[in-house]
Amino acid sequence: MSEPRTNRTSTLTPPSGTHVPADGTAAGPADRTAAEPATRTATGPAAPPQPSTAREGLLARLGIPHALRWGFLGVLVFMTGDGIESNFVAPHIAGVLGSGGTDSAAMIIGIYGVAVLVASYFAGVLSDLWGPRRVMTIGAVLWVVFQVAFLAALPTASVGLIALTYFLRGLGFPLFAFSFLCWINHTVARERNATAVGWFYVVFTGGLPTLGSLIAIGSIPAFGGGSLGETWSMALSLVFVVVGWAIVRFGVHESTGLGRIAPRSHSAARVIASGIEVCIKRPKVLLAVLIRLVNTAPEFGMFVIMPAIIGTELGWGQSKWLTMTVIVYAGNILFNAFFGALGDRIGWIRTVKWFGIGASAIGLLAWWYVPHLVPAGSEWGFWLATAAGTVFGIMLAGFTPMGAIVPAFAGEERRGAAMAMYATAAGGATFLGNAVVSAVLPWGGPGGVVWTFVALYALAFVVLSLLKVPEGAEAAGH
């Protein structure tokens, strides 16, 4: 948990004690001259602070914290590497395992989701304990080491070895990405919080699955196509992950994320348990976390069921499915920052309720039914189906303000703990999406899976209607 911060209209003081200017960024070593008040001299009032550069002003107006600017780029590159395999890894594993491989692949992907769930929680609490930058490095190391181990395990066709290595690799990306999200939340002023979270999801979704899938479209045939091309594409992802980590490690020097954020008086055990504690003491945090859990669960569920539907059953092929994925989530990229800013203007809950939940449910149904209504394999049918999916991708961005809602329910003194739970929900969506597919697909088929997600959206709509952001949340529209 983090220490209390002073709430003001234009500034915040993060746990590190570093003053945060009105543009929403904490001053790092290189930024402190412009951020700190000028020193009063004995002969008169202090000279006014130096104006920000035009570049800083542009970033601030866009909602990107200047001190963290390289971190956003690093997350984009890292998640591009993580996203290369996102739309072919399940059938790839099934093909490697041979007879009965589909069920085993589903089990392996499900176990991977558990790893993401666990690591997402620890991304939050360990960021408070050790500092986000150190946790990001740990995540990158785990990803690289166990990606190599996973690729080495595939030729053995051992279910146990493949499952173990892929599980351990699943710990990597949440520790990297969601630690940076915690860094953002500890640094950015409350009134610009949803906008900054929106930019985080621009780069997160920009990499996974959008740019990752775009690279796979070219790399799979370039490496020989088929299983061989997929294997070398997964090896290529190592380059992106290492470069993404290096950009953050050597490009971001904002002081809040370089060390411990939690109060020194709190033991390690207390910090690690803080996420659970805040859900017990602040039940609204738990409800908001459950809503966030539902947010992107359909996205990960569709990654499992749609490759076979679009690529094989409806006859458009793997390349067309990857192209569809790129376009669908490109729409999401374009609107994440928009819905973050809209939430800061018209209200966080209103934005999530009508755009994130209501419109996403409609878009999900359109993405499922339109491909089945058009002629299978037809060119115009593919583009119409892609347009329907893009509606879902765009409206999914309506959940962006949840990154501001969860810590608002916790209060400033429990902000770090709340972000641990938010990160858990963001990563847990992978687990929930895979779990729904595993539980419903055998008896309800793919259509039953889609309607289960719609039912979860309806439940989230009802729960969110019962919640109200505390009056102290400093955002326009509240």
Protein backbone atom coordinates (compact mmCIF):
# COMPACT_ATOMS: atom_id res chain seq x y z
CA MET A 1 0.00 0.00 0.00
CA SER A 2 1.19 3.50 -0.69
CA GLU A 3 1.37 6.44 1.62
CA PRO A 4 -1.33 9.09 1.53
CA ARG A 5 -0.92 11.82 -1.05
CA THR A 6 -2.19 15.36 -0.98
CA ASN A 7 -5.29 15.76 -3.18
CA ARG A 8 -5.48 19.05 -5.04
CA THR A 9 -7.07 20.23 -8.21
CA SER A 10 -3.85 20.66 -10.16
CA THR A 11 -1.16 18.72 -8.33
CA LEU A 12 -0.49 15.55 -6.46
CA THR A 13 2.35 14.39 -4.31
CA PRO A 14 3.18 10.73 -4.97
CA PRO A 15 4.46 8.39 -2.26
CA SER A 16 8.04 9.28 -3.06
CA GLY A 17 7.34 12.85 -2.11
CA THR A 18 8.16 14.14 -5.58
CA HIS A 19 6.00 17.06 -6.61
CA VAL A 20 3.76 16.42 -9.60
CA PRO A 21 3.00 19.36 -11.87
CA ALA A 22 -0.32 20.02 -13.47
CA ASP A 23 0.64 18.12 -16.61
CA GLY A 24 0.30 14.97 -14.54
CA THR A 25 3.90 13.77 -14.35
CA ALA A 26 6.20 13.38 -11.42
CA ALA A 27 9.53 15.01 -11.95
CA GLY A 28 12.41 12.66 -12.44
CA PRO A 29 16.04 13.70 -12.04
CA ALA A 30 16.09 15.25 -15.49
CA ASP A 31 12.76 17.01 -15.10
CA ARG A 32 13.05 18.46 -11.62
CA THR A 33 14.31 21.88 -12.64
CA ALA A 34 11.12 22.69 -14.46
CA ALA A 35 8.82 20.95 -12.00
CA GLU A 36 10.00 22.33 -8.65
CA PRO A 37 9.02 25.79 -7.49
CA ALA A 38 11.67 28.42 -8.02
CA THR A 39 13.76 29.28 -4.96
CA ARG A 40 12.82 32.48 -3.15
CA THR A 41 15.81 34.78 -2.79
CA ALA A 42 16.61 37.21 -0.01
CA THR A 43 16.13 40.19 -2.29
CA GLY A 44 12.67 39.45 -3.51
CA PRO A 45 10.20 36.91 -4.85
CA ALA A 46 11.38 33.95 -6.77
CA ALA A 47 11.73 34.10 -10.51
CA PRO A 48 8.99 32.22 -12.33
CA PRO A 49 9.77 28.62 -13.25
CA GLN A 50 11.11 27.94 -16.71
CA PRO A 51 8.36 27.15 -19.23
CA SER A 52 8.05 23.60 -20.50
CA THR A 53 9.34 22.85 -23.94
CA ALA A 54 6.88 22.55 -26.79
CA ARG A 55 7.45 18.81 -26.85
CA GLU A 56 6.54 18.45 -23.19
CA GLY A 57 3.46 20.56 -23.75
CA LEU A 58 2.31 18.39 -26.63
CA LEU A 59 2.75 15.19 -24.63
CA ALA A 60 0.90 16.71 -21.69
CA ARG A 61 -1.97 17.84 -23.90
CA LEU A 62 -2.23 14.34 -25.34
CA GLY A 63 -2.29 12.89 -21.82
CA ILE A 64 1.07 11.11 -22.05
CA PRO A 65 3.21 11.77 -18.94
CA HIS A 66 6.45 13.25 -20.30
CA ALA A 67 8.64 11.60 -17.69
CA LEU A 68 7.30 8.16 -18.71
CA ARG A 69 7.23 8.70 -22.47
CA TRP A 70 9.87 6.07 -23.27
CA GLY A 71 8.09 3.59 -21.05
CA PHE A 72 5.03 3.68 -23.27
CA LEU A 73 7.19 2.92 -26.30
CA GLY A 74 8.96 0.12 -24.43
CA VAL A 75 5.66 -1.52 -23.48
CA LEU A 76 4.49 -1.29 -27.11
CA VAL A 77 7.61 -3.04 -28.39
CA PHE A 78 7.60 -5.67 -25.61
CA MET A 79 3.92 -6.51 -26.10
CA THR A 80 4.46 -6.72 -29.86
CA GLY A 81 6.89 -9.55 -29.17
CA ASP A 82 4.44 -11.18 -26.77
CA GLY A 83 1.62 -10.81 -29.29
CA ILE A 84 3.29 -12.44 -32.31
CA GLU A 85 2.05 -15.89 -31.28
CA SER A 86 -1.32 -14.83 -29.87
CA ASN A 87 -3.43 -16.03 -32.77
CA PHE A 88 -1.66 -19.23 -33.72
CA VAL A 89 -0.09 -20.67 -30.58
CA ALA A 90 -3.08 -22.86 -29.64
CA PRO A 91 -3.33 -24.65 -33.02
CA HIS A 92 0.47 -24.78 -33.18
CA ILE A 93 0.68 -26.65 -29.88
CA ALA A 94 -2.17 -28.93 -30.96
CA GLY A 95 -0.33 -29.74 -34.19
CA VAL A 96 2.88 -30.53 -32.36
CA LEU A 97 1.10 -32.90 -29.96
CA GLY A 98 -0.74 -34.77 -32.73
CA SER A 99 -3.71 -36.98 -31.87
CA GLY A 100 -5.71 -35.50 -28.99
CA GLY A 101 -3.61 -32.35 -29.22
CA THR A 102 -6.54 -29.96 -29.31
CA ASP A 103 -7.70 -30.85 -25.79
CA SER A 104 -4.14 -30.80 -24.47
CA ALA A 105 -3.48 -27.44 -26.10
CA ALA A 106 -6.61 -26.02 -24.45
CA MET A 107 -5.37 -27.29 -21.09
CA ILE A 108 -1.93 -25.73 -21.64
CA ILE A 109 -3.44 -22.39 -22.60
CA GLY A 110 -5.67 -22.59 -19.51
CA ILE A 111 -2.65 -23.18 -17.27
CA TYR A 112 -0.93 -20.24 -18.93
CA GLY A 113 -3.94 -18.12 -17.94
CA VAL A 114 -3.43 -19.11 -14.30
CA ALA A 115 0.18 -17.91 -14.50
CA VAL A 116 -0.96 -14.58 -15.94
CA LEU A 117 -3.53 -14.22 -13.14
CA VAL A 118 -0.97 -14.86 -10.40
CA ALA A 119 1.74 -12.66 -11.93
CA SER A 120 -0.70 -9.81 -12.45
CA TYR A 121 -1.35 -9.61 -8.71
CA PHE A 122 2.34 -9.71 -7.89
CA ALA A 123 3.03 -7.00 -10.47
CA GLY A 124 1.07 -4.64 -8.24
CA VAL A 125 2.32 -5.61 -4.80
CA LEU A 126 5.95 -6.12 -5.82
CA SER A 127 5.93 -2.74 -7.57
CA ASP A 128 5.02 -1.21 -4.21
CA LEU A 129 7.68 -3.29 -2.48
CA TRP A 130 10.63 -3.08 -4.89
CA GLY A 131 9.70 -0.39 -7.38
CA PRO A 132 8.08 -0.89 -10.80
CA ARG A 133 11.28 -0.74 -12.85
CA ARG A 134 12.90 -3.64 -10.99
CA VAL A 135 9.76 -5.76 -11.32
CA MET A 136 9.64 -5.01 -15.05
CA THR A 137 13.17 -6.33 -15.39
CA ILE A 138 12.25 -9.52 -13.53
CA GLY A 139 9.30 -9.99 -15.87
CA ALA A 140 11.45 -9.53 -18.95
CA VAL A 141 14.03 -12.06 -17.72
CA LEU A 142 11.35 -14.65 -16.96
CA TRP A 143 9.81 -14.13 -20.39
CA VAL A 144 13.10 -14.56 -22.28
CA VAL A 145 14.37 -17.55 -20.30
CA PHE A 146 11.16 -19.53 -20.47
CA GLN A 147 10.36 -18.60 -24.06
CA VAL A 148 13.64 -20.29 -24.99
CA ALA A 149 12.70 -23.25 -22.77
CA PHE A 150 9.22 -23.42 -24.32
CA LEU A 151 10.61 -23.47 -27.86
CA ALA A 152 13.03 -26.21 -26.82
CA ALA A 153 10.18 -28.22 -25.25
CA LEU A 154 7.92 -28.16 -28.32
CA PRO A 155 9.92 -30.72 -30.39
CA THR A 156 9.74 -33.19 -27.49
CA ALA A 157 5.92 -33.31 -27.79
CA SER A 158 5.83 -33.74 -24.00
CA VAL A 159 2.59 -32.29 -22.66
CA GLY A 160 4.05 -31.88 -19.17
CA LEU A 161 7.22 -30.12 -20.31
CA ILE A 162 5.41 -27.82 -22.74
CA ALA A 163 2.81 -26.94 -20.08
CA LEU A 164 5.47 -26.21 -17.45
CA THR A 165 7.60 -23.96 -19.64
CA TYR A 166 4.61 -22.09 -21.06
CA PHE A 167 3.19 -21.61 -17.56
CA LEU A 168 6.45 -20.10 -16.33
CA ARG A 169 6.72 -17.88 -19.39
CA GLY A 170 3.20 -16.65 -18.59
CA LEU A 171 4.60 -14.98 -15.48
CA GLY A 172 6.66 -12.63 -17.62
CA PHE A 173 4.42 -10.20 -19.49
CA PRO A 174 2.14 -9.24 -16.54
CA LEU A 175 5.15 -8.43 -14.36
CA PHE A 176 6.50 -6.22 -17.13
CA ALA A 177 3.37 -4.53 -18.45
CA PHE A 178 1.23 -4.16 -15.34
CA SER A 179 4.14 -2.90 -13.26
CA PHE A 180 4.37 -0.05 -15.72
CA LEU A 181 0.63 0.54 -15.30
CA CYS A 182 1.23 0.81 -11.53
CA TRP A 183 4.07 3.25 -12.25
CA ILE A 184 1.61 5.38 -14.23
CA ASN A 185 -0.95 5.36 -11.43
CA HIS A 186 1.60 6.37 -8.82
CA THR A 187 2.83 9.22 -11.00
CA VAL A 188 -0.08 10.80 -12.86
CA ALA A 189 -2.41 13.36 -11.31
CA ARG A 190 -5.89 12.01 -10.55
CA GLU A 191 -7.68 14.39 -12.93
CA ARG A 192 -5.67 12.95 -15.85
CA ASN A 193 -5.57 9.38 -14.64
CA ALA A 194 -8.07 7.80 -17.03
CA THR A 195 -6.42 9.49 -20.01
CA ALA A 196 -3.00 8.14 -19.07
CA VAL A 197 -4.45 4.66 -18.51
CA GLY A 198 -6.01 4.97 -21.95
CA TRP A 199 -2.59 5.55 -23.48
CA PHE A 200 -1.28 2.51 -21.61
CA TYR A 201 -3.91 0.37 -23.30
CA VAL A 202 -3.11 1.98 -26.64
CA VAL A 203 0.41 0.57 -26.44
CA PHE A 204 -0.61 -2.67 -24.68
CA THR A 205 -3.24 -3.58 -27.28
CA GLY A 206 -1.08 -2.06 -29.99
CA GLY A 207 1.40 -4.84 -29.31
CA LEU A 208 -0.91 -7.67 -28.17
CA PRO A 209 -2.42 -8.66 -30.52
CA THR A 210 -2.32 -5.94 -33.17
CA LEU A 211 1.29 -5.33 -34.24
CA GLY A 212 2.20 -8.85 -33.11
CA SER A 213 -0.34 -10.35 -35.50
CA LEU A 214 0.73 -7.98 -38.27
CA ILE A 215 4.32 -9.15 -37.92
CA ALA A 216 3.17 -12.79 -37.89
CA ILE A 217 1.40 -12.24 -41.23
CA GLY A 218 4.78 -11.49 -42.81
CA SER A 219 7.14 -13.57 -40.70
CA ILE A 220 5.38 -16.94 -40.97
CA PRO A 221 5.69 -17.17 -44.76
CA ALA A 222 9.12 -15.51 -44.66
CA PHE A 223 10.39 -18.30 -42.39
CA GLY A 224 9.00 -21.04 -44.63
CA GLY A 225 5.33 -21.15 -43.66
CA GLY A 226 3.48 -23.80 -41.69
CA SER A 227 4.76 -25.07 -38.36
CA LEU A 228 8.36 -24.10 -39.16
CA GLY A 229 7.38 -20.52 -39.96
CA GLU A 230 5.37 -20.31 -36.76
CA THR A 231 8.27 -21.63 -34.67
CA TRP A 232 10.74 -19.12 -36.06
CA SER A 233 8.18 -16.34 -35.64
CA MET A 234 8.00 -17.20 -31.95
CA ALA A 235 11.79 -17.09 -31.82
CA LEU A 236 11.70 -13.66 -33.46
CA SER A 237 9.55 -12.44 -30.58
CA LEU A 238 12.59 -12.64 -28.31
CA VAL A 239 14.16 -9.71 -30.16
CA PHE A 240 11.15 -7.47 -29.58
CA VAL A 241 10.90 -8.37 -25.91
CA VAL A 242 14.57 -7.59 -25.23
CA VAL A 243 14.41 -4.30 -27.14
CA GLY A 244 11.21 -3.29 -25.30
CA TRP A 245 12.84 -3.95 -21.93
CA ALA A 246 15.97 -2.00 -22.92
CA ILE A 247 13.91 1.05 -23.91
CA VAL A 248 12.29 1.17 -20.46
CA ARG A 249 15.43 0.31 -18.51
CA PHE A 250 17.62 2.95 -20.10
CA GLY A 251 15.03 5.49 -21.19
CA VAL A 252 12.84 6.06 -18.11
CA HIS A 253 14.33 7.77 -15.07
CA GLU A 254 11.20 9.02 -13.30
CA SER A 255 12.08 8.76 -9.61
CA THR A 256 8.85 7.29 -8.20
CA GLY A 257 9.32 3.95 -9.95
CA LEU A 258 12.97 3.42 -9.12
CA GLY A 259 12.52 2.15 -5.58
CA ARG A 260 10.11 1.15 -2.85
CA ILE A 261 6.77 2.96 -2.89
CA ALA A 262 5.12 1.35 0.14
CA PRO A 263 5.81 2.93 3.55
CA ARG A 264 8.99 1.63 5.18
CA SER A 265 6.96 0.81 8.28
CA HIS A 266 5.00 -1.85 6.40
CA SER A 267 6.47 -5.34 6.38
CA ALA A 268 6.91 -7.25 3.15
CA ALA A 269 4.13 -9.65 4.16
CA ARG A 270 1.75 -6.76 4.78
CA VAL A 271 2.52 -5.22 1.39
CA ILE A 272 2.06 -8.54 -0.40
CA ALA A 273 -1.29 -9.10 1.30
CA SER A 274 -2.43 -5.52 0.80
CA GLY A 275 -4.50 -6.28 -2.31
CA ILE A 276 -6.58 -8.84 -0.45
CA GLU A 277 -6.88 -6.51 2.53
CA VAL A 278 -8.23 -3.62 0.47
CA CYS A 279 -10.94 -5.84 -1.06
CA ILE A 280 -12.06 -6.87 2.43
CA LYS A 281 -12.07 -3.35 3.85
CA ARG A 282 -13.41 -1.70 0.70
CA PRO A 283 -15.92 -4.08 -0.93
CA LYS A 284 -16.54 -1.65 -3.80
CA VAL A 285 -12.96 -2.24 -4.88
CA LEU A 286 -13.73 -5.95 -5.21
CA LEU A 287 -16.86 -5.25 -7.27
CA ALA A 288 -14.92 -2.92 -9.57
CA VAL A 289 -12.17 -5.52 -9.92
CA LEU A 290 -14.74 -8.15 -10.97
CA ILE A 291 -16.09 -5.77 -13.61
CA ARG A 292 -12.56 -5.26 -14.96
CA LEU A 293 -12.10 -9.04 -14.98
CA VAL A 294 -15.02 -9.34 -17.40
CA ASN A 295 -13.70 -6.51 -19.60
CA THR A 296 -11.29 -8.32 -21.95
CA ALA A 297 -12.23 -11.91 -21.14
CA PRO A 298 -14.13 -12.22 -24.47
CA GLU A 299 -11.05 -10.98 -26.32
CA PHE A 300 -8.96 -13.88 -25.04
CA GLY A 301 -11.82 -16.32 -25.47
CA MET A 302 -12.17 -15.31 -29.12
CA PHE A 303 -8.43 -15.91 -29.61
CA VAL A 304 -9.16 -19.57 -28.82
CA ILE A 305 -12.33 -20.20 -30.81
CA MET A 306 -12.08 -17.83 -33.78
CA PRO A 307 -8.89 -19.02 -35.56
CA ALA A 308 -10.57 -22.33 -36.44
CA ILE A 309 -13.91 -20.65 -37.26
CA ILE A 310 -12.52 -17.92 -39.53
CA GLY A 311 -9.47 -19.74 -40.88
CA THR A 312 -10.85 -23.24 -41.40
CA GLU A 313 -14.62 -23.60 -40.99
CA LEU A 314 -15.53 -20.47 -42.95
CA GLY A 315 -12.66 -20.87 -45.39
CA TRP A 316 -10.78 -17.59 -45.12
CA GLY A 317 -7.44 -19.08 -44.02
CA GLN A 318 -4.87 -18.18 -41.37
CA SER A 319 -3.59 -15.07 -43.15
CA LYS A 320 -7.09 -13.58 -43.35
CA TRP A 321 -7.73 -14.35 -39.67
CA LEU A 322 -4.51 -12.58 -38.69
CA THR A 323 -5.47 -9.65 -40.92
CA MET A 324 -8.89 -9.49 -39.25
CA THR A 325 -7.23 -9.44 -35.82
CA VAL A 326 -4.96 -6.57 -36.79
CA ILE A 327 -7.86 -4.46 -38.05
CA VAL A 328 -10.23 -5.28 -35.18
CA TYR A 329 -7.72 -4.27 -32.51
CA ALA A 330 -6.34 -1.35 -34.49
CA GLY A 331 -9.76 0.17 -33.85
CA ASN A 332 -9.24 -0.52 -30.17
CA ILE A 333 -5.87 1.25 -30.26
CA LEU A 334 -7.33 4.35 -31.85
CA PHE A 335 -10.07 4.69 -29.24
CA ASN A 336 -8.35 3.77 -25.95
CA ALA A 337 -7.02 7.28 -25.42
CA PHE A 338 -10.31 8.75 -26.64
CA PHE A 339 -12.43 6.85 -24.11
CA GLY A 340 -9.94 7.65 -21.36
CA ALA A 341 -10.31 11.36 -22.09
CA LEU A 342 -14.09 10.98 -22.49
CA GLY A 343 -14.26 9.35 -19.06
CA ASP A 344 -12.37 12.26 -17.53
CA ARG A 345 -14.90 14.61 -19.16
CA ILE A 346 -18.34 12.98 -18.84
CA GLY A 347 -17.72 10.58 -15.96
CA TRP A 348 -15.83 7.31 -15.60
CA ILE A 349 -18.78 5.08 -14.69
CA ARG A 350 -21.03 6.52 -17.39
CA THR A 351 -18.37 5.82 -20.02
CA VAL A 352 -17.74 2.24 -18.88
CA LYS A 353 -21.43 1.43 -18.46
CA TRP A 354 -22.69 2.49 -21.88
CA PHE A 355 -19.66 2.20 -24.12
CA GLY A 356 -17.50 -0.42 -22.41
CA ILE A 357 -20.23 -2.85 -21.38
CA GLY A 358 -23.36 -2.17 -23.41
CA ALA A 359 -21.78 -1.43 -26.78
CA SER A 360 -19.11 -4.15 -26.37
CA ALA A 361 -21.82 -6.78 -25.90
CA ILE A 362 -23.51 -5.67 -29.11
CA GLY A 363 -20.19 -5.61 -30.96
CA LEU A 364 -19.31 -9.11 -29.74
CA LEU A 365 -22.57 -10.53 -31.05
CA ALA A 366 -22.01 -8.78 -34.38
CA TRP A 367 -18.51 -10.23 -34.65
CA TRP A 368 -19.88 -13.72 -34.08
CA TYR A 369 -22.99 -13.64 -36.25
CA VAL A 370 -21.96 -11.55 -39.27
CA PRO A 371 -19.25 -14.00 -40.45
CA HIS A 372 -21.88 -16.77 -40.37
CA LEU A 373 -24.43 -14.73 -42.31
CA VAL A 374 -22.19 -13.81 -45.25
CA PRO A 375 -21.03 -16.33 -47.90
CA ALA A 376 -18.15 -18.38 -46.48
CA GLY A 377 -14.81 -17.53 -48.06
CA SER A 378 -16.14 -14.51 -49.98
CA GLU A 379 -13.97 -11.41 -50.18
CA TRP A 380 -16.77 -8.92 -49.46
CA GLY A 381 -18.06 -11.15 -46.67
CA PHE A 382 -14.65 -11.11 -45.02
CA TRP A 383 -14.51 -7.32 -44.98
CA LEU A 384 -18.05 -7.05 -43.64
CA ALA A 385 -17.21 -9.56 -40.90
CA THR A 386 -14.07 -7.59 -40.11
CA ALA A 387 -16.08 -4.38 -39.85
CA ALA A 388 -18.42 -6.07 -37.37
CA GLY A 389 -15.47 -7.24 -35.30
CA THR A 390 -14.01 -3.74 -35.34
CA VAL A 391 -17.13 -2.45 -33.59
CA PHE A 392 -16.30 -4.82 -30.73
CA GLY A 393 -12.64 -3.77 -30.75
CA ILE A 394 -13.51 -0.09 -30.57
CA MET A 395 -16.12 -0.40 -27.85
CA LEU A 396 -13.84 -2.58 -25.75
CA ALA A 397 -11.86 0.62 -25.20
CA GLY A 398 -14.85 1.98 -23.27
CA PHE A 399 -13.58 0.07 -20.23
CA THR A 400 -10.47 2.26 -20.06
CA PRO A 401 -11.66 4.41 -17.10
CA MET A 402 -11.72 1.27 -14.89
CA GLY A 403 -8.03 1.94 -14.31
CA ALA A 404 -9.06 5.13 -12.52
CA ILE A 405 -12.23 3.80 -10.90
CA VAL A 406 -10.59 0.96 -8.95
CA PRO A 407 -8.03 3.11 -7.06
CA ALA A 408 -10.69 5.83 -6.55
CA PHE A 409 -12.78 3.37 -4.52
CA ALA A 410 -9.73 2.42 -2.46
CA GLY A 411 -8.66 5.93 -1.47
CA GLU A 412 -5.20 7.44 -1.68
CA GLU A 413 -3.82 5.50 1.29
CA ARG A 414 -4.60 2.19 -0.42
CA ARG A 415 -3.88 3.19 -4.00
CA GLY A 416 -1.01 0.73 -4.47
CA ALA A 417 -3.06 -2.16 -3.11
CA ALA A 418 -5.96 -1.26 -5.39
CA MET A 419 -3.67 -1.23 -8.40
CA ALA A 420 -2.45 -4.69 -7.44
CA MET A 421 -6.03 -5.91 -7.64
CA TYR A 422 -6.68 -3.99 -10.86
CA ALA A 423 -3.62 -5.59 -12.45
CA THR A 424 -4.87 -8.97 -11.21
CA ALA A 425 -8.18 -8.40 -12.98
CA ALA A 426 -6.50 -7.19 -16.17
CA GLY A 427 -4.32 -10.29 -16.30
CA GLY A 428 -7.07 -12.50 -14.92
CA ALA A 429 -9.17 -11.72 -17.99
CA THR A 430 -6.85 -14.10 -19.85
CA PHE A 431 -7.70 -16.83 -17.36
CA LEU A 432 -11.43 -16.09 -17.37
CA GLY A 433 -11.61 -16.02 -21.15
CA ASN A 434 -9.89 -19.40 -21.45
CA ALA A 435 -11.92 -20.83 -18.55
CA VAL A 436 -15.24 -19.90 -20.17
CA VAL A 437 -14.14 -21.59 -23.40
CA SER A 438 -13.06 -24.74 -21.54
CA ALA A 439 -16.27 -24.91 -19.49
CA VAL A 440 -18.85 -24.01 -22.15
CA LEU A 441 -17.42 -25.18 -25.47
CA PRO A 442 -17.94 -28.95 -24.92
CA TRP A 443 -21.70 -28.59 -24.42
CA GLY A 444 -22.62 -25.14 -25.78
CA GLY A 445 -20.34 -24.88 -28.76
CA PRO A 446 -18.67 -21.62 -29.89
CA GLY A 447 -22.03 -19.82 -29.97
CA GLY A 448 -22.67 -20.78 -26.36
CA VAL A 449 -19.27 -19.34 -25.45
CA VAL A 450 -20.15 -16.01 -27.06
CA TRP A 451 -23.52 -15.81 -25.29
CA THR A 452 -21.86 -16.64 -21.96
CA PHE A 453 -19.63 -13.60 -22.42
CA VAL A 454 -22.68 -11.48 -23.23
CA ALA A 455 -24.33 -12.71 -20.00
CA LEU A 456 -21.20 -11.70 -18.06
CA TYR A 457 -21.39 -8.25 -19.63
CA ALA A 458 -25.04 -7.97 -18.56
CA LEU A 459 -24.09 -8.89 -14.99
CA ALA A 460 -21.28 -6.32 -15.01
CA PHE A 461 -23.76 -3.68 -16.23
CA VAL A 462 -26.06 -4.34 -13.27
CA VAL A 463 -23.23 -4.28 -10.73
CA LEU A 464 -21.73 -1.07 -12.12
CA SER A 465 -25.16 0.61 -11.97
CA LEU A 466 -25.04 0.18 -8.19
CA LEU A 467 -21.67 1.90 -7.82
CA LYS A 468 -20.79 5.57 -7.59
CA VAL A 469 -17.33 7.10 -7.71
CA PRO A 470 -16.48 8.81 -4.39
CA GLU A 471 -16.94 12.57 -4.34
CA GLY A 472 -13.23 13.01 -3.64
CA ALA A 473 -12.25 11.55 -7.01
CA GLU A 474 -10.71 14.49 -8.79
CA ALA A 475 -11.87 14.16 -12.36
CA ALA A 476 -14.08 16.31 -14.52
CA GLY A 477 -17.59 15.05 -14.60
CA HIS A 478 -17.68 13.85 -10.96
